Amino acid sequence: MTLDSDLVARVTSALAADAPPTATTELDGGNVGRVYRLDFDGRDPVVAKVGDTPLDVEAAMLDSLGAAGLPVPAVHHADADLLVLDYVAGTSDLTPTAERDLAAHLAALHETTAPAFGFPYDTLSGPYRQPNPWTDSWVEFFRDQRLLPWAEAALDSGLPDATAERIESVAADLDALLVEPAAPRLVHGDVWGANLRVRDDRVVAFLDPACYYGHPEVELAYIDWFDAAGDAFFDAYDESRPIADGFFEDRSPVYALFPLLEHVRVFGADYVPSVEDALDELGY
């Protein structure tokens, strides 16, 4: 599918380009909209993302992460239905050296704090609105704004009632299962290979955030559960920001329930066994 002429004109105007693009190439856009690379004479290529998801929210998230020092593509234009970014060349392949660089970036990001858990506005996780009301307790925030709402929504996508009841049992015990961090810390929220651009063993850009202020363990659990990075990452992160005892054995499976439930919402019942595996590991 090609980018229609009206959108090409909007991108050209937003960039104040002298002429339309010389080439338009559709890229893999994942689950949110369609994504195109546009090449112009006399300037670096850009990416145009179009879709029904409020893309101006994605732009705001990228700006927030960039302000915190994370490398992100520059935003050139943002409307609800059109986002224009720098095109960042690279791959999604993480060598051990790149994993250590990833750890350095995330450890630095996780030094950015806020007075409460949440975010100044609701963000996005994939195609879904991610509510972020300011909340004093991390356990309360994770239970009421992540775990239980996503479990309820996943019922419409094939999550069995019995599995949802098991998740409710976990939610009831969260005070005993999780720990409150010393401070809310900024997380990217969706770190895996497809959302990274790696070049010369360095992570040069983070894409498609789902950010908010939370416990940094939620970020580490996503990476752990989905095998987004390996020992080189975790060893390097632990050197910068020590990972508390019990994270891998006890808390990572709890945090994994949230992205696994989102996978059920997006992809359907094929991901239910993964949810149940996490519950089994927790003993629920």
C-alpha atoms as a PDB file:
ATOM      1  CA  MET A   1       0.000   0.000   0.000  1.00  0.00           C
ATOM      2  CA  THR A   2       1.366   3.435  -0.931  1.00  0.00           C
ATOM      3  CA  LEU A   3       1.031   6.688   0.968  1.00  0.00           C
ATOM      4  CA  ASP A   4      -1.823   8.669  -0.554  1.00  0.00           C
ATOM      5  CA  SER A   5      -1.163  11.973  -2.283  1.00  0.00           C
ATOM      6  CA  ASP A   6      -2.793  14.118   0.423  1.00  0.00           C
ATOM      7  CA  LEU A   7      -0.540  12.645   3.104  1.00  0.00           C
ATOM      8  CA  VAL A   8       2.516  12.995   0.859  1.00  0.00           C
ATOM      9  CA  ALA A   9       1.618  16.664   0.496  1.00  0.00           C
ATOM     10  CA  ARG A  10       1.220  17.043   4.265  1.00  0.00           C
ATOM     11  CA  VAL A  11       4.626  15.492   4.911  1.00  0.00           C
ATOM     12  CA  THR A  12       6.251  17.632   2.227  1.00  0.00           C
ATOM     13  CA  SER A  13       4.696  20.758   3.726  1.00  0.00           C
ATOM     14  CA  ALA A  14       5.621  19.803   7.297  1.00  0.00           C
ATOM     15  CA  LEU A  15       9.260  19.457   6.271  1.00  0.00           C
ATOM     16  CA  ALA A  16       9.180  22.630   4.161  1.00  0.00           C
ATOM     17  CA  ALA A  17      10.673  20.488   1.405  1.00  0.00           C
ATOM     18  CA  ASP A  18      11.168  22.035  -2.016  1.00  0.00           C
ATOM     19  CA  ALA A  19       9.733  19.012  -3.829  1.00  0.00           C
ATOM     20  CA  PRO A  20       7.785  15.822  -3.092  1.00  0.00           C
ATOM     21  CA  PRO A  21       9.675  12.699  -2.057  1.00  0.00           C
ATOM     22  CA  THR A  22      11.654  10.852  -4.681  1.00  0.00           C
ATOM     23  CA  ALA A  23      10.715   7.473  -3.189  1.00  0.00           C
ATOM     24  CA  THR A  24       8.196   6.079  -0.710  1.00  0.00           C
ATOM     25  CA  THR A  25       8.723   2.645   0.853  1.00  0.00           C
ATOM     26  CA  GLU A  26       6.338   0.895   3.230  1.00  0.00           C
ATOM     27  CA  LEU A  27       8.011  -0.454   6.372  1.00  0.00           C
ATOM     28  CA  ASP A  28       6.826  -2.882   9.013  1.00  0.00           C
ATOM     29  CA  GLY A  29       4.506  -0.831  11.204  1.00  0.00           C
ATOM     30  CA  GLY A  30       3.720  -3.454  13.811  1.00  0.00           C
ATOM     31  CA  ASN A  31       0.263  -3.198  15.311  1.00  0.00           C
ATOM     32  CA  VAL A  32      -0.222   0.559  15.210  1.00  0.00           C
ATOM     33  CA  GLY A  33      -0.955   2.134  11.848  1.00  0.00           C
ATOM     34  CA  ARG A  34       1.174   2.027   8.710  1.00  0.00           C
ATOM     35  CA  VAL A  35       4.744   3.243   8.439  1.00  0.00           C
ATOM     36  CA  TYR A  36       6.590   4.595   5.402  1.00  0.00           C
ATOM     37  CA  ARG A  37      10.089   5.769   4.621  1.00  0.00           C
ATOM     38  CA  LEU A  38      10.163   8.882   2.451  1.00  0.00           C
ATOM     39  CA  ASP A  39      13.312   9.914   0.586  1.00  0.00           C
ATOM     40  CA  PHE A  40      13.862  13.505  -0.516  1.00  0.00           C
ATOM     41  CA  ASP A  41      16.574  15.195  -2.539  1.00  0.00           C
ATOM     42  CA  GLY A  42      18.836  17.306  -0.384  1.00  0.00           C
ATOM     43  CA  ARG A  43      17.850  15.996   3.060  1.00  0.00           C
ATOM     44  CA  ASP A  44      17.942  12.851   5.136  1.00  0.00           C
ATOM     45  CA  PRO A  45      15.002  10.431   4.806  1.00  0.00           C
ATOM     46  CA  VAL A  46      12.087  10.543   7.217  1.00  0.00           C
ATOM     47  CA  VAL A  47       9.501   8.117   8.521  1.00  0.00           C
ATOM     48  CA  ALA A  48       5.789   8.879   8.256  1.00  0.00           C
ATOM     49  CA  LYS A  49       3.431   6.911  10.464  1.00  0.00           C
ATOM     50  CA  VAL A  50      -0.303   7.075   9.756  1.00  0.00           C
ATOM     51  CA  GLY A  51      -3.228   5.465  11.522  1.00  0.00           C
ATOM     52  CA  ASP A  52      -6.197   5.787  13.843  1.00  0.00           C
ATOM     53  CA  THR A  53      -4.160   5.623  17.060  1.00  0.00           C
ATOM     54  CA  PRO A  54      -3.486   9.144  18.438  1.00  0.00           C
ATOM     55  CA  LEU A  55       0.007   9.557  17.055  1.00  0.00           C
ATOM     56  CA  ASP A  56       0.473  12.940  18.700  1.00  0.00           C
ATOM     57  CA  VAL A  57       0.596  11.012  21.982  1.00  0.00           C
ATOM     58  CA  GLU A  58       3.451   8.902  20.622  1.00  0.00           C
ATOM     59  CA  ALA A  59       5.258  12.098  19.639  1.00  0.00           C
ATOM     60  CA  ALA A  60       4.832  13.499  23.144  1.00  0.00           C
ATOM     61  CA  MET A  61       6.211  10.289  24.642  1.00  0.00           C
ATOM     62  CA  LEU A  62       9.258  10.426  22.370  1.00  0.00           C
ATOM     63  CA  ASP A  63       9.857  14.034  23.369  1.00  0.00           C
ATOM     64  CA  SER A  64       9.600  13.105  27.063  1.00  0.00           C
ATOM     65  CA  LEU A  65      12.111  10.283  26.695  1.00  0.00           C
ATOM     66  CA  GLY A  66      14.424  12.457  24.627  1.00  0.00           C
ATOM     67  CA  ALA A  67      14.327  15.157  27.297  1.00  0.00           C
ATOM     68  CA  ALA A  68      15.435  12.495  29.788  1.00  0.00           C
ATOM     69  CA  GLY A  69      18.462  11.693  27.627  1.00  0.00           C
ATOM     70  CA  LEU A  70      17.288   8.562  25.816  1.00  0.00           C
ATOM     71  CA  PRO A  71      18.204   8.498  22.106  1.00  0.00           C
ATOM     72  CA  VAL A  72      14.978   8.759  20.111  1.00  0.00           C
ATOM     73  CA  PRO A  73      14.198   9.886  16.559  1.00  0.00           C
ATOM     74  CA  ALA A  74      13.533  13.605  16.238  1.00  0.00           C
ATOM     75  CA  VAL A  75       9.878  14.529  15.748  1.00  0.00           C
ATOM     76  CA  HIS A  76       9.256  16.820  12.766  1.00  0.00           C
ATOM     77  CA  HIS A  77       5.453  16.851  12.775  1.00  0.00           C
ATOM     78  CA  ALA A  78       2.718  15.353  14.926  1.00  0.00           C
ATOM     79  CA  ASP A  79      -1.032  15.201  14.420  1.00  0.00           C
ATOM     80  CA  ALA A  80      -3.452  12.598  15.718  1.00  0.00           C
ATOM     81  CA  ASP A  81      -3.313  10.779  12.363  1.00  0.00           C
ATOM     82  CA  LEU A  82       0.206  11.609  11.114  1.00  0.00           C
ATOM     83  CA  LEU A  83       3.629  11.436  12.751  1.00  0.00           C
ATOM     84  CA  VAL A  84       6.814  12.419  10.912  1.00  0.00           C
ATOM     85  CA  LEU A  85      10.143  11.350  12.417  1.00  0.00           C
ATOM     86  CA  ASP A  86      13.764  11.072  11.444  1.00  0.00           C
ATOM     87  CA  TYR A  87      14.533   7.774   9.755  1.00  0.00           C
ATOM     88  CA  VAL A  88      17.164   6.016  11.873  1.00  0.00           C
ATOM     89  CA  ALA A  89      19.173   3.358  10.082  1.00  0.00           C
ATOM     90  CA  GLY A  90      20.105   0.238  11.992  1.00  0.00           C
ATOM     91  CA  THR A  91      19.092  -3.289  12.896  1.00  0.00           C
ATOM     92  CA  SER A  92      17.367  -4.879  15.868  1.00  0.00           C
ATOM     93  CA  ASP A  93      20.266  -7.263  16.547  1.00  0.00           C
ATOM     94  CA  LEU A  94      21.737  -7.004  20.040  1.00  0.00           C
ATOM     95  CA  THR A  95      25.305  -8.235  20.377  1.00  0.00           C
ATOM     96  CA  PRO A  96      26.685  -8.537  23.928  1.00  0.00           C
ATOM     97  CA  THR A  97      28.349  -5.141  23.458  1.00  0.00           C
ATOM     98  CA  ALA A  98      25.059  -3.627  22.311  1.00  0.00           C
ATOM     99  CA  GLU A  99      23.290  -5.235  25.280  1.00  0.00           C
ATOM    100  CA  ARG A 100      25.692  -3.465  27.614  1.00  0.00           C
ATOM    101  CA  ASP A 101      24.987  -0.196  25.819  1.00  0.00           C
ATOM    102  CA  LEU A 102      21.254  -0.846  26.185  1.00  0.00           C
ATOM    103  CA  ALA A 103      21.792  -1.372  29.913  1.00  0.00           C
ATOM    104  CA  ALA A 104      23.639   1.932  30.214  1.00  0.00           C
ATOM    105  CA  HIS A 105      20.819   3.808  28.478  1.00  0.00           C
ATOM    106  CA  LEU A 106      18.075   2.257  30.592  1.00  0.00           C
ATOM    107  CA  ALA A 107      19.977   2.610  33.854  1.00  0.00           C
ATOM    108  CA  ALA A 108      20.368   6.319  33.081  1.00  0.00           C
ATOM    109  CA  LEU A 109      16.702   6.656  32.103  1.00  0.00           C
ATOM    110  CA  HIS A 110      15.652   5.011  35.351  1.00  0.00           C
ATOM    111  CA  GLU A 111      17.382   7.795  37.284  1.00  0.00           C
ATOM    112  CA  THR A 112      14.622  10.174  36.122  1.00  0.00           C
ATOM    113  CA  THR A 113      12.095  10.429  38.953  1.00  0.00           C
ATOM    114  CA  ALA A 114       8.682  11.919  39.670  1.00  0.00           C
ATOM    115  CA  PRO A 115       6.706  12.612  42.868  1.00  0.00           C
ATOM    116  CA  ALA A 116       4.149   9.875  42.094  1.00  0.00           C
ATOM    117  CA  PHE A 117       3.474   6.910  39.830  1.00  0.00           C
ATOM    118  CA  GLY A 118       1.746   7.605  36.526  1.00  0.00           C
ATOM    119  CA  PHE A 119       2.328  10.308  33.928  1.00  0.00           C
ATOM    120  CA  PRO A 120       1.050  13.803  33.098  1.00  0.00           C
ATOM    121  CA  TYR A 121      -1.267  12.268  30.490  1.00  0.00           C
ATOM    122  CA  ASP A 122      -2.554   8.869  29.379  1.00  0.00           C
ATOM    123  CA  THR A 123      -0.051   7.208  27.087  1.00  0.00           C
ATOM    124  CA  LEU A 124      -0.306   4.265  24.696  1.00  0.00           C
ATOM    125  CA  SER A 125       0.669   0.625  24.928  1.00  0.00           C
ATOM    126  CA  GLY A 126       0.455  -0.761  21.424  1.00  0.00           C
ATOM    127  CA  PRO A 127      -2.934   0.324  20.078  1.00  0.00           C
ATOM    128  CA  TYR A 128      -4.469   0.771  23.536  1.00  0.00           C
ATOM    129  CA  ARG A 129      -4.829   3.770  25.802  1.00  0.00           C
ATOM    130  CA  GLN A 130      -2.702   3.339  28.897  1.00  0.00           C
ATOM    131  CA  PRO A 131      -4.222   5.204  31.879  1.00  0.00           C
ATOM    132  CA  ASN A 132      -1.732   6.997  34.106  1.00  0.00           C
ATOM    133  CA  PRO A 133      -3.488   8.799  36.981  1.00  0.00           C
ATOM    134  CA  TRP A 134      -0.996  10.021  39.547  1.00  0.00           C
ATOM    135  CA  THR A 135      -0.903   7.436  42.340  1.00  0.00           C
ATOM    136  CA  ASP A 136       1.166   7.411  45.536  1.00  0.00           C
ATOM    137  CA  SER A 137       1.521   3.612  45.753  1.00  0.00           C
ATOM    138  CA  TRP A 138       3.254   1.541  43.080  1.00  0.00           C
ATOM    139  CA  VAL A 139       1.400  -1.613  44.086  1.00  0.00           C
ATOM    140  CA  GLU A 140      -1.928   0.203  43.829  1.00  0.00           C
ATOM    141  CA  PHE A 141      -0.984   1.690  40.459  1.00  0.00           C
ATOM    142  CA  PHE A 142       0.127  -1.629  38.975  1.00  0.00           C
ATOM    143  CA  ARG A 143      -2.970  -3.435  40.280  1.00  0.00           C
ATOM    144  CA  ASP A 144      -5.607  -0.848  39.347  1.00  0.00           C
ATOM    145  CA  GLN A 145      -4.145   0.689  36.170  1.00  0.00           C
ATOM    146  CA  ARG A 146      -2.350  -2.266  34.617  1.00  0.00           C
ATOM    147  CA  LEU A 147      -3.067  -5.790  35.842  1.00  0.00           C
ATOM    148  CA  LEU A 148      -6.817  -5.818  36.512  1.00  0.00           C
ATOM    149  CA  PRO A 149      -7.959  -3.573  33.614  1.00  0.00           C
ATOM    150  CA  TRP A 150      -5.897  -5.553  31.108  1.00  0.00           C
ATOM    151  CA  ALA A 151      -7.224  -8.852  32.436  1.00  0.00           C
ATOM    152  CA  GLU A 152     -10.796  -7.624  32.115  1.00  0.00           C
ATOM    153  CA  ALA A 153     -10.184  -6.372  28.569  1.00  0.00           C
ATOM    154  CA  ALA A 154      -8.508  -9.657  27.586  1.00  0.00           C
ATOM    155  CA  LEU A 155     -11.722 -11.553  28.350  1.00  0.00           C
ATOM    156  CA  ASP A 156     -13.080 -10.278  25.032  1.00  0.00           C
ATOM    157  CA  SER A 157     -10.045 -11.724  23.217  1.00  0.00           C
ATOM    158  CA  GLY A 158     -10.148 -15.265  24.551  1.00  0.00           C
ATOM    159  CA  LEU A 159      -8.886 -15.108  28.133  1.00  0.00           C
ATOM    160  CA  PRO A 160     -10.891 -17.761  30.037  1.00  0.00           C
ATOM    161  CA  ASP A 161     -12.883 -16.676  33.079  1.00  0.00           C
ATOM    162  CA  ALA A 162     -10.982 -19.178  35.206  1.00  0.00           C
ATOM    163  CA  THR A 163      -7.653 -17.630  34.192  1.00  0.00           C
ATOM    164  CA  ALA A 164      -8.979 -14.152  34.954  1.00  0.00           C
ATOM    165  CA  GLU A 165      -9.955 -15.373  38.421  1.00  0.00           C
ATOM    166  CA  ARG A 166      -6.397 -16.594  38.974  1.00  0.00           C
ATOM    167  CA  ILE A 167      -5.141 -13.130  38.013  1.00  0.00           C
ATOM    168  CA  GLU A 168      -7.573 -11.575  40.486  1.00  0.00           C
ATOM    169  CA  SER A 169      -6.026 -13.778  43.174  1.00  0.00           C
ATOM    170  CA  VAL A 170      -2.584 -12.459  42.251  1.00  0.00           C
ATOM    171  CA  ALA A 171      -3.916  -8.902  42.379  1.00  0.00           C
ATOM    172  CA  ALA A 172      -5.298  -9.490  45.863  1.00  0.00           C
ATOM    173  CA  ASP A 173      -1.839 -10.555  47.045  1.00  0.00           C
ATOM    174  CA  LEU A 174       0.232  -7.863  45.312  1.00  0.00           C
ATOM    175  CA  ASP A 175       1.216  -6.193  48.585  1.00  0.00           C
ATOM    176  CA  ALA A 176       3.060  -9.388  49.478  1.00  0.00           C
ATOM    177  CA  LEU A 177       4.367 -10.107  45.973  1.00  0.00           C
ATOM    178  CA  LEU A 178       5.801  -6.715  44.956  1.00  0.00           C
ATOM    179  CA  VAL A 179       7.914  -4.069  46.650  1.00  0.00           C
ATOM    180  CA  GLU A 180       7.573  -0.297  46.614  1.00  0.00           C
ATOM    181  CA  PRO A 181      10.555   1.468  45.007  1.00  0.00           C
ATOM    182  CA  ALA A 182      12.322   4.358  46.691  1.00  0.00           C
ATOM    183  CA  ALA A 183      10.906   6.670  44.008  1.00  0.00           C
ATOM    184  CA  PRO A 184       8.826   6.459  40.827  1.00  0.00           C
ATOM    185  CA  ARG A 185      11.160   6.227  37.843  1.00  0.00           C
ATOM    186  CA  LEU A 186      10.654   6.815  34.136  1.00  0.00           C
ATOM    187  CA  VAL A 187      10.384   3.657  32.019  1.00  0.00           C
ATOM    188  CA  HIS A 188      10.220   3.248  28.242  1.00  0.00           C
ATOM    189  CA  GLY A 189       7.634   0.513  28.700  1.00  0.00           C
ATOM    190  CA  ASP A 190       8.129  -1.590  25.553  1.00  0.00           C
ATOM    191  CA  VAL A 191      11.788  -2.499  25.114  1.00  0.00           C
ATOM    192  CA  TRP A 192      12.412  -5.325  22.667  1.00  0.00           C
ATOM    193  CA  GLY A 193      14.321  -5.783  19.452  1.00  0.00           C
ATOM    194  CA  ALA A 194      11.759  -4.323  17.058  1.00  0.00           C
ATOM    195  CA  ASN A 195      11.669  -1.103  19.090  1.00  0.00           C
ATOM    196  CA  LEU A 196      15.432  -0.603  18.986  1.00  0.00           C
ATOM    197  CA  ARG A 197      17.800   0.591  16.294  1.00  0.00           C
ATOM    198  CA  VAL A 198      21.315  -0.752  16.716  1.00  0.00           C
ATOM    199  CA  ARG A 199      24.342   0.352  14.734  1.00  0.00           C
ATOM    200  CA  ASP A 200      28.035  -0.390  15.344  1.00  0.00           C
ATOM    201  CA  ASP A 201      27.218  -2.174  18.616  1.00  0.00           C
ATOM    202  CA  ARG A 202      25.375   0.880  19.957  1.00  0.00           C
ATOM    203  CA  VAL A 203      21.684   1.468  20.531  1.00  0.00           C
ATOM    204  CA  VAL A 204      21.147   4.615  18.479  1.00  0.00           C
ATOM    205  CA  ALA A 205      17.372   4.935  18.859  1.00  0.00           C
ATOM    206  CA  PHE A 206      14.471   3.712  20.974  1.00  0.00           C
ATOM    207  CA  LEU A 207      11.103   3.545  19.184  1.00  0.00           C
ATOM    208  CA  ASP A 208       7.414   3.053  20.022  1.00  0.00           C
ATOM    209  CA  PRO A 209       7.424   3.854  23.744  1.00  0.00           C
ATOM    210  CA  ALA A 210       4.700   3.136  26.284  1.00  0.00           C
ATOM    211  CA  CYS A 211       6.198   5.310  28.977  1.00  0.00           C
ATOM    212  CA  TYR A 212       5.173   6.287  32.496  1.00  0.00           C
ATOM    213  CA  TYR A 213       6.724   6.606  35.946  1.00  0.00           C
ATOM    214  CA  GLY A 214       6.785   3.218  37.637  1.00  0.00           C
ATOM    215  CA  HIS A 215       9.101   0.674  39.205  1.00  0.00           C
ATOM    216  CA  PRO A 216      12.090   0.023  36.930  1.00  0.00           C
ATOM    217  CA  GLU A 217      11.647  -3.683  37.637  1.00  0.00           C
ATOM    218  CA  VAL A 218       8.627  -3.631  35.329  1.00  0.00           C
ATOM    219  CA  GLU A 219      10.993  -2.697  32.476  1.00  0.00           C
ATOM    220  CA  LEU A 220      13.474  -5.394  33.417  1.00  0.00           C
ATOM    221  CA  ALA A 221      10.718  -8.003  33.641  1.00  0.00           C
ATOM    222  CA  TYR A 222       9.534  -7.240  30.113  1.00  0.00           C
ATOM    223  CA  ILE A 223      13.080  -7.719  28.842  1.00  0.00           C
ATOM    224  CA  ASP A 224      13.527 -10.866  30.938  1.00  0.00           C
ATOM    225  CA  TRP A 225      10.256 -12.587  30.084  1.00  0.00           C
ATOM    226  CA  PHE A 226      10.407 -11.914  26.346  1.00  0.00           C
ATOM    227  CA  ASP A 227      14.147 -12.665  26.035  1.00  0.00           C
ATOM    228  CA  ALA A 228      14.749  -9.200  24.597  1.00  0.00           C
ATOM    229  CA  ALA A 229      18.284  -9.241  25.999  1.00  0.00           C
ATOM    230  CA  GLY A 230      20.502 -11.672  27.832  1.00  0.00           C
ATOM    231  CA  ASP A 231      23.087 -11.944  30.574  1.00  0.00           C
ATOM    232  CA  ALA A 232      25.303  -9.173  29.202  1.00  0.00           C
ATOM    233  CA  PHE A 233      22.430  -6.722  29.615  1.00  0.00           C
ATOM    234  CA  PHE A 234      21.422  -7.787  33.107  1.00  0.00           C
ATOM    235  CA  ASP A 235      25.005  -7.973  34.385  1.00  0.00           C
ATOM    236  CA  ALA A 236      25.752  -4.465  33.093  1.00  0.00           C
ATOM    237  CA  TYR A 237      22.502  -3.040  34.438  1.00  0.00           C
ATOM    238  CA  ASP A 238      23.133  -4.626  37.829  1.00  0.00           C
ATOM    239  CA  GLU A 239      26.534  -2.943  37.983  1.00  0.00           C
ATOM    240  CA  SER A 240      24.913   0.470  37.454  1.00  0.00           C
ATOM    241  CA  ARG A 241      21.684  -0.051  39.375  1.00  0.00           C
ATOM    242  CA  PRO A 242      21.739  -3.184  41.534  1.00  0.00           C
ATOM    243  CA  ILE A 243      18.816  -5.523  40.900  1.00  0.00           C
ATOM    244  CA  ALA A 244      17.184  -6.441  44.211  1.00  0.00           C
ATOM    245  CA  ASP A 245      17.156 -10.029  45.415  1.00  0.00           C
ATOM    246  CA  GLY A 246      14.103 -12.027  44.397  1.00  0.00           C
ATOM    247  CA  PHE A 247      13.418 -10.120  41.195  1.00  0.00           C
ATOM    248  CA  PHE A 248      13.956 -12.963  38.739  1.00  0.00           C
ATOM    249  CA  GLU A 249      12.399 -15.690  40.869  1.00  0.00           C
ATOM    250  CA  ASP A 250       9.484 -13.869  42.471  1.00  0.00           C
ATOM    251  CA  ARG A 251       8.581 -10.540  40.876  1.00  0.00           C
ATOM    252  CA  SER A 252       9.423 -10.896  37.188  1.00  0.00           C
ATOM    253  CA  PRO A 253       6.544 -13.376  36.579  1.00  0.00           C
ATOM    254  CA  VAL A 254       4.115 -10.959  38.263  1.00  0.00           C
ATOM    255  CA  TYR A 255       5.152  -8.083  36.033  1.00  0.00           C
ATOM    256  CA  ALA A 256       5.118 -10.333  32.954  1.00  0.00           C
ATOM    257  CA  LEU A 257       1.373 -10.790  33.324  1.00  0.00           C
ATOM    258  CA  PHE A 258       0.741  -7.250  32.068  1.00  0.00           C
ATOM    259  CA  PRO A 259       2.450  -7.528  28.647  1.00  0.00           C
ATOM    260  CA  LEU A 260       1.211 -11.101  28.258  1.00  0.00           C
ATOM    261  CA  LEU A 261      -2.363  -9.917  28.752  1.00  0.00           C
ATOM    262  CA  GLU A 262      -1.764  -7.224  26.166  1.00  0.00           C
ATOM    263  CA  HIS A 263      -0.588  -9.924  23.766  1.00  0.00           C
ATOM    264  CA  VAL A 264      -3.871 -11.744  24.370  1.00  0.00           C
ATOM    265  CA  ARG A 265      -5.739  -8.533  23.545  1.00  0.00           C
ATOM    266  CA  VAL A 266      -3.785  -8.011  20.331  1.00  0.00           C
ATOM    267  CA  PHE A 267      -3.224 -11.568  19.094  1.00  0.00           C
ATOM    268  CA  GLY A 268      -5.958 -13.578  20.767  1.00  0.00           C
ATOM    269  CA  ALA A 269      -6.116 -16.803  22.734  1.00  0.00           C
ATOM    270  CA  ASP A 270      -2.813 -18.179  21.400  1.00  0.00           C
ATOM    271  CA  TYR A 271      -1.112 -16.265  24.222  1.00  0.00           C
ATOM    272  CA  VAL A 272      -3.324 -17.656  26.992  1.00  0.00           C
ATOM    273  CA  PRO A 273      -0.897 -20.554  27.687  1.00  0.00           C
ATOM    274  CA  SER A 274       1.876 -18.007  28.287  1.00  0.00           C
ATOM    275  CA  VAL A 275      -0.322 -16.205  30.816  1.00  0.00           C
ATOM    276  CA  GLU A 276      -1.044 -19.507  32.508  1.00  0.00           C
ATOM    277  CA  ASP A 277       2.665 -20.406  32.551  1.00  0.00           C
ATOM    278  CA  ALA A 278       3.389 -17.197  34.462  1.00  0.00           C
ATOM    279  CA  LEU A 279       0.574 -17.958  36.890  1.00  0.00           C
ATOM    280  CA  ASP A 280       1.882 -21.499  37.359  1.00  0.00           C
ATOM    281  CA  GLU A 281       5.340 -20.134  38.110  1.00  0.00           C
ATOM    282  CA  LEU A 282       3.806 -17.895  40.772  1.00  0.00           C
ATOM    283  CA  GLY A 283       1.837 -20.773  42.260  1.00  0.00           C
ATOM    284  CA  TYR A 284      -1.627 -19.356  41.465  1.00  0.00           C
END
